[in-house]
Every structure is written in C-alpha cells, then in structure tokens.
C-alpha cells in the first residue's frame, strides 16, 4: 500500500510542460521562448535557441529535441551552456516538453 501511495504522490506532483518550461527553460530561452531570458546575456558564446523560430525548429527531429533536453548541449554536440535535465524531469515530462516546444514554434519536428 505504501508503494501505491508513493507512486500516486509522485504522479500528482508531476509538473505540466508549461510549468517545466517556465522553471527549467525560461531563464535562458525566455517565458515566450524567444531566447531572451534573464540569463541570456550579450557575453555568452552562443545565444539561447529561439523556440518560436519555426524554420529553425522544424530542422530538428523529435529525438534531437528529447536528447538535448535529457542530456544537455555537450552530449549532443550543441552548446555546453545547455544543461542536461534528464535527472530533473521524467521521460514523460521530457516528451510533454517536446510537444510544448512544437506549440511554441507552431511547427512539427522532422521525421526520424
């Protein structure tokens, strides 16, 4: 019974994709995804990706986006400024975040 109770609690505490975006992503990518978050400064070696740029975002596959969220920029040959969130978010939350990013860019990610 304790396992059921704990599972139910962790499931109830899962954040929505929008909440996760605001918590984990908006500091660099901005609340609306334009790459203009409070931590995005002119002295950064790479600007945070503009998640509203449908042409650029549509060049990515779903796996590309999942991998960079889970493993961070360094693990995916992208900017080392992008931290890995795979230990902070569940796989389900990462997949939901990918769907949220697709809404932000108003685009579909390319087929694998």
N, C-alpha and C. Protein backbone atom coordinates (compact mmCIF):
# COMPACT_ATOMS: atom_id res chain seq x y z
N UNK A 1 0.82 -1.19 0.00
CA UNK A 1 0.00 0.00 0.00
C UNK A 1 0.87 1.25 0.00
N UNK A 2 1.99 1.21 0.71
CA UNK A 2 2.88 2.36 0.75
C UNK A 2 3.41 2.68 -0.64
N UNK A 3 3.76 1.66 -1.42
CA UNK A 3 4.26 1.88 -2.78
C UNK A 3 3.19 2.55 -3.64
N UNK A 4 1.96 2.13 -3.49
CA UNK A 4 0.87 2.74 -4.25
C UNK A 4 0.71 4.19 -3.83
N UNK A 5 0.78 4.45 -2.56
CA UNK A 5 0.66 5.81 -2.06
C UNK A 5 1.80 6.68 -2.58
N UNK A 6 3.02 6.20 -2.53
CA UNK A 6 4.17 6.97 -3.02
C UNK A 6 4.09 7.20 -4.52
N UNK A 7 3.68 6.17 -5.27
CA UNK A 7 3.55 6.34 -6.71
C UNK A 7 2.49 7.39 -7.00
N UNK A 8 1.39 7.32 -6.32
CA UNK A 8 0.33 8.30 -6.51
C UNK A 8 0.79 9.70 -6.19
N UNK A 9 1.62 9.83 -5.17
CA UNK A 9 2.12 11.15 -4.79
C UNK A 9 3.07 11.69 -5.86
N UNK A 10 3.98 10.89 -6.35
CA UNK A 10 4.93 11.38 -7.35
C UNK A 10 4.21 11.74 -8.63
N UNK A 11 3.19 10.95 -8.98
CA UNK A 11 2.43 11.26 -10.18
C UNK A 11 1.67 12.58 -10.01
N UNK A 12 1.13 12.80 -8.82
CA UNK A 12 0.37 14.01 -8.55
C UNK A 12 1.28 15.24 -8.56
N UNK A 13 2.56 15.06 -8.24
CA UNK A 13 3.48 16.19 -8.17
C UNK A 13 4.12 16.51 -9.52
N UNK A 14 3.88 15.72 -10.53
CA UNK A 14 4.47 15.98 -11.85
C UNK A 14 3.99 17.34 -12.37
N UNK A 15 4.91 18.09 -12.91
CA UNK A 15 4.59 19.42 -13.42
C UNK A 15 4.11 19.33 -14.86
N UNK A 16 3.34 20.32 -15.26
CA UNK A 16 2.91 20.39 -16.66
C UNK A 16 4.09 20.83 -17.51
N UNK A 17 3.98 20.64 -18.81
CA UNK A 17 5.05 21.06 -19.72
C UNK A 17 5.28 22.56 -19.63
N UNK A 18 4.22 23.33 -19.53
CA UNK A 18 4.39 24.79 -19.42
C UNK A 18 5.09 25.16 -18.12
N UNK A 19 4.73 24.50 -17.03
CA UNK A 19 5.41 24.76 -15.75
C UNK A 19 6.88 24.38 -15.83
N UNK A 20 7.18 23.22 -16.42
CA UNK A 20 8.58 22.82 -16.58
C UNK A 20 9.33 23.80 -17.45
N UNK A 21 8.71 24.27 -18.53
CA UNK A 21 9.37 25.24 -19.40
C UNK A 21 9.70 26.51 -18.61
N UNK A 22 8.74 27.00 -17.86
CA UNK A 22 8.98 28.22 -17.07
C UNK A 22 10.07 28.01 -16.04
N UNK A 23 10.10 26.82 -15.42
CA UNK A 23 11.08 26.54 -14.36
C UNK A 23 12.48 26.28 -14.92
N UNK A 24 12.58 25.41 -15.92
CA UNK A 24 13.89 24.97 -16.40
C UNK A 24 14.42 25.76 -17.59
N UNK A 25 13.55 26.25 -18.44
CA UNK A 25 13.99 26.79 -19.73
C UNK A 25 13.95 28.32 -19.84
N UNK A 26 12.98 28.93 -19.17
CA UNK A 26 12.74 30.36 -19.40
C UNK A 26 13.88 31.27 -18.96
N UNK A 27 14.71 30.83 -18.03
CA UNK A 27 15.81 31.69 -17.60
C UNK A 27 16.72 32.05 -18.76
N UNK A 28 16.89 31.14 -19.70
CA UNK A 28 17.72 31.42 -20.89
C UNK A 28 16.87 31.68 -22.13
N UNK A 29 15.84 30.85 -22.32
CA UNK A 29 15.05 30.93 -23.55
C UNK A 29 13.91 31.93 -23.46
N UNK A 30 13.63 32.48 -22.28
CA UNK A 30 12.57 33.46 -22.10
C UNK A 30 11.21 32.81 -21.88
N UNK A 31 10.31 33.53 -21.26
CA UNK A 31 8.98 32.99 -20.97
C UNK A 31 8.21 32.64 -22.22
N UNK A 32 8.45 33.38 -23.29
CA UNK A 32 7.73 33.10 -24.54
C UNK A 32 8.58 32.32 -25.53
N UNK A 33 9.82 31.97 -25.15
CA UNK A 33 10.67 31.11 -25.98
C UNK A 33 11.51 31.81 -27.01
N UNK A 34 11.64 33.11 -26.95
CA UNK A 34 12.36 33.86 -27.98
C UNK A 34 13.87 33.93 -27.77
N UNK A 35 14.38 33.25 -26.74
CA UNK A 35 15.83 33.28 -26.49
C UNK A 35 16.27 34.51 -25.74
N UNK A 36 15.33 35.15 -25.07
CA UNK A 36 15.61 36.43 -24.40
C UNK A 36 15.39 36.37 -22.90
N UNK A 37 15.74 35.23 -22.29
CA UNK A 37 15.56 35.08 -20.85
C UNK A 37 16.52 35.94 -20.05
N UNK A 38 16.28 36.01 -18.76
CA UNK A 38 17.09 36.89 -17.90
C UNK A 38 18.56 36.47 -17.84
N UNK A 39 18.86 35.21 -18.10
CA UNK A 39 20.25 34.74 -18.10
C UNK A 39 20.91 34.84 -19.48
N UNK A 40 20.17 35.25 -20.48
CA UNK A 40 20.73 35.41 -21.83
C UNK A 40 21.41 36.77 -21.89
N UNK A 41 22.73 36.73 -21.89
CA UNK A 41 23.49 37.98 -21.87
C UNK A 41 24.34 38.09 -23.13
N UNK A 42 24.70 39.30 -23.51
CA UNK A 42 25.50 39.50 -24.73
C UNK A 42 26.88 38.85 -24.68
N UNK A 43 27.39 38.57 -23.49
CA UNK A 43 28.74 37.98 -23.39
C UNK A 43 28.73 36.45 -23.46
N UNK A 44 27.56 35.83 -23.64
CA UNK A 44 27.53 34.38 -23.81
C UNK A 44 28.12 34.02 -25.17
N UNK A 45 28.85 32.89 -25.24
CA UNK A 45 29.44 32.50 -26.52
C UNK A 45 28.39 32.09 -27.56
N UNK A 46 27.22 31.65 -27.11
CA UNK A 46 26.14 31.22 -28.01
C UNK A 46 24.83 31.77 -27.45
N UNK A 47 23.99 32.29 -28.32
CA UNK A 47 22.68 32.76 -27.88
C UNK A 47 21.76 31.57 -27.67
N UNK A 48 20.89 31.64 -26.66
CA UNK A 48 19.91 30.57 -26.48
C UNK A 48 19.02 30.46 -27.72
N UNK A 49 18.63 29.24 -28.06
CA UNK A 49 17.79 28.99 -29.23
C UNK A 49 16.45 29.70 -29.08
N UNK A 50 16.00 30.30 -30.15
CA UNK A 50 14.68 30.93 -30.21
C UNK A 50 13.68 29.82 -30.52
N UNK A 51 12.92 29.42 -29.54
CA UNK A 51 11.96 28.33 -29.72
C UNK A 51 10.73 28.73 -30.52
N UNK A 52 10.61 30.01 -30.85
CA UNK A 52 9.48 30.45 -31.66
C UNK A 52 9.83 30.54 -33.14
N UNK A 53 11.09 30.29 -33.49
CA UNK A 53 11.54 30.34 -34.88
C UNK A 53 11.18 29.02 -35.56
N UNK A 54 10.04 29.02 -36.25
CA UNK A 54 9.53 27.77 -36.81
C UNK A 54 10.46 27.18 -37.87
N UNK A 55 11.12 28.01 -38.66
CA UNK A 55 12.02 27.49 -39.69
C UNK A 55 13.20 26.74 -39.08
N UNK A 56 13.79 27.30 -38.03
CA UNK A 56 14.93 26.65 -37.38
C UNK A 56 14.50 25.43 -36.56
N UNK A 57 13.42 25.56 -35.84
CA UNK A 57 12.96 24.45 -35.00
C UNK A 57 12.51 23.26 -35.85
N UNK A 58 11.94 23.51 -37.02
CA UNK A 58 11.46 22.42 -37.88
C UNK A 58 12.61 21.61 -38.47
N UNK A 59 13.83 22.11 -38.37
CA UNK A 59 15.00 21.36 -38.84
C UNK A 59 15.37 20.23 -37.87
N UNK A 60 14.81 20.27 -36.67
CA UNK A 60 15.13 19.30 -35.63
C UNK A 60 14.15 18.14 -35.66
N UNK A 61 14.62 16.98 -35.25
CA UNK A 61 13.72 15.84 -35.10
C UNK A 61 13.27 15.79 -33.64
N UNK A 62 12.22 15.02 -33.41
CA UNK A 62 11.75 14.83 -32.04
C UNK A 62 12.88 14.27 -31.17
N UNK A 63 13.63 13.31 -31.71
CA UNK A 63 14.76 12.72 -30.96
C UNK A 63 15.82 13.76 -30.65
N UNK A 64 16.10 14.65 -31.61
CA UNK A 64 17.09 15.72 -31.37
C UNK A 64 16.68 16.54 -30.14
N UNK A 65 15.42 16.92 -30.11
CA UNK A 65 14.93 17.78 -29.03
C UNK A 65 14.92 17.02 -27.70
N UNK A 66 14.43 15.79 -27.72
CA UNK A 66 14.43 14.97 -26.50
C UNK A 66 15.85 14.80 -25.96
N UNK A 67 16.79 14.50 -26.84
CA UNK A 67 18.17 14.25 -26.42
C UNK A 67 18.82 15.48 -25.81
N UNK A 68 18.60 16.64 -26.40
CA UNK A 68 19.24 17.84 -25.85
C UNK A 68 18.61 18.22 -24.51
N UNK A 69 17.32 17.98 -24.34
CA UNK A 69 16.69 18.24 -23.03
C UNK A 69 17.25 17.26 -22.01
N UNK A 70 17.26 16.00 -22.35
CA UNK A 70 17.69 14.95 -21.41
C UNK A 70 19.18 15.05 -21.10
N UNK A 71 20.03 15.16 -22.14
CA UNK A 71 21.47 15.01 -21.97
C UNK A 71 22.26 16.31 -22.02
N UNK A 72 21.63 17.40 -22.39
CA UNK A 72 22.32 18.69 -22.44
C UNK A 72 23.04 18.93 -23.75
N UNK A 73 23.52 20.13 -23.92
CA UNK A 73 24.16 20.53 -25.16
C UNK A 73 25.45 19.79 -25.46
N UNK A 74 26.28 19.63 -24.46
CA UNK A 74 27.59 18.98 -24.69
C UNK A 74 27.44 17.56 -25.21
N UNK A 75 26.45 16.84 -24.73
CA UNK A 75 26.26 15.45 -25.14
C UNK A 75 25.68 15.32 -26.54
N UNK A 76 25.19 16.42 -27.07
CA UNK A 76 24.54 16.40 -28.38
C UNK A 76 25.24 17.30 -29.39
N UNK A 77 26.50 17.63 -29.12
CA UNK A 77 27.32 18.50 -29.98
C UNK A 77 26.69 19.87 -30.17
N UNK A 78 26.03 20.34 -29.14
CA UNK A 78 25.46 21.69 -29.12
C UNK A 78 26.18 22.47 -28.03
N UNK A 79 25.67 23.62 -27.69
CA UNK A 79 26.31 24.48 -26.70
C UNK A 79 26.40 23.81 -25.33
N UNK A 80 27.55 23.97 -24.71
CA UNK A 80 27.74 23.45 -23.34
C UNK A 80 26.96 24.30 -22.34
N UNK A 81 26.42 25.41 -22.78
CA UNK A 81 25.61 26.26 -21.91
C UNK A 81 24.27 25.60 -21.59
N UNK A 82 23.83 24.68 -22.46
CA UNK A 82 22.56 23.98 -22.27
C UNK A 82 22.78 22.82 -21.30
N UNK A 83 22.20 22.92 -20.08
CA UNK A 83 22.40 21.84 -19.10
C UNK A 83 21.52 20.62 -19.39
N UNK A 84 21.91 19.46 -18.87
CA UNK A 84 21.06 18.27 -19.00
C UNK A 84 19.96 18.29 -17.94
N UNK A 85 18.76 17.94 -18.34
CA UNK A 85 17.63 17.93 -17.40
C UNK A 85 17.09 16.51 -17.19
N UNK A 86 17.77 15.50 -17.69
CA UNK A 86 17.29 14.13 -17.59
C UNK A 86 17.16 13.58 -16.19
N UNK A 87 17.86 14.17 -15.23
CA UNK A 87 17.73 13.72 -13.85
C UNK A 87 16.74 14.58 -13.08
N UNK A 88 16.27 15.65 -13.71
CA UNK A 88 15.31 16.55 -13.07
C UNK A 88 13.89 16.32 -13.57
N UNK A 89 13.78 15.81 -14.78
CA UNK A 89 12.46 15.56 -15.38
C UNK A 89 12.34 14.09 -15.73
N UNK A 90 11.13 13.59 -15.68
CA UNK A 90 10.87 12.21 -16.08
C UNK A 90 10.85 12.15 -17.61
N UNK A 91 10.92 10.93 -18.14
CA UNK A 91 10.83 10.75 -19.61
C UNK A 91 9.49 11.29 -20.12
N UNK A 92 8.43 11.07 -19.36
CA UNK A 92 7.11 11.57 -19.77
C UNK A 92 7.11 13.09 -19.81
N UNK A 93 7.72 13.73 -18.82
CA UNK A 93 7.78 15.19 -18.80
C UNK A 93 8.61 15.72 -19.97
N UNK A 94 9.68 15.02 -20.31
CA UNK A 94 10.51 15.43 -21.45
C UNK A 94 9.69 15.35 -22.74
N UNK A 95 8.96 14.27 -22.93
CA UNK A 95 8.13 14.12 -24.13
C UNK A 95 7.04 15.20 -24.18
N UNK A 96 6.45 15.52 -23.04
CA UNK A 96 5.45 16.59 -22.98
C UNK A 96 6.09 17.94 -23.29
N UNK A 97 7.32 18.14 -22.83
CA UNK A 97 8.02 19.39 -23.11
C UNK A 97 8.31 19.52 -24.60
N UNK A 98 8.65 18.42 -25.26
CA UNK A 98 8.87 18.43 -26.71
C UNK A 98 7.59 18.87 -27.42
N UNK A 99 6.46 18.34 -26.99
CA UNK A 99 5.17 18.74 -27.59
C UNK A 99 4.90 20.22 -27.33
N UNK A 100 5.25 20.71 -26.15
CA UNK A 100 5.07 22.13 -25.82
C UNK A 100 5.96 22.99 -26.72
N UNK A 101 7.19 22.56 -26.96
CA UNK A 101 8.09 23.30 -27.85
C UNK A 101 7.52 23.35 -29.27
N UNK A 102 6.90 22.29 -29.70
CA UNK A 102 6.27 22.26 -31.02
C UNK A 102 5.15 23.30 -31.10
N UNK A 103 4.45 23.50 -30.00
CA UNK A 103 3.41 24.54 -29.96
C UNK A 103 4.03 25.93 -29.98
N UNK A 104 5.15 26.10 -29.25
CA UNK A 104 5.81 27.41 -29.23
C UNK A 104 6.27 27.83 -30.62
N UNK A 105 6.81 26.88 -31.37
CA UNK A 105 7.32 27.23 -32.70
C UNK A 105 6.23 27.13 -33.75
N UNK A 106 5.07 26.60 -33.38
CA UNK A 106 3.98 26.40 -34.34
C UNK A 106 4.51 25.61 -35.53
N UNK A 107 5.21 24.52 -35.22
CA UNK A 107 5.82 23.70 -36.26
C UNK A 107 5.81 22.23 -35.83
N UNK A 108 6.14 21.37 -36.78
CA UNK A 108 6.31 19.95 -36.47
C UNK A 108 7.78 19.64 -36.67
N UNK A 109 8.30 18.80 -35.78
CA UNK A 109 9.68 18.39 -35.90
C UNK A 109 9.78 17.37 -37.04
N UNK A 110 10.93 17.36 -37.71
CA UNK A 110 11.09 16.48 -38.88
C UNK A 110 11.01 15.02 -38.47
N UNK A 111 10.64 14.21 -39.42
CA UNK A 111 10.53 12.76 -39.20
C UNK A 111 11.91 12.18 -38.99
N UNK A 112 11.98 11.14 -38.19
CA UNK A 112 13.25 10.49 -37.87
C UNK A 112 13.73 9.69 -39.05
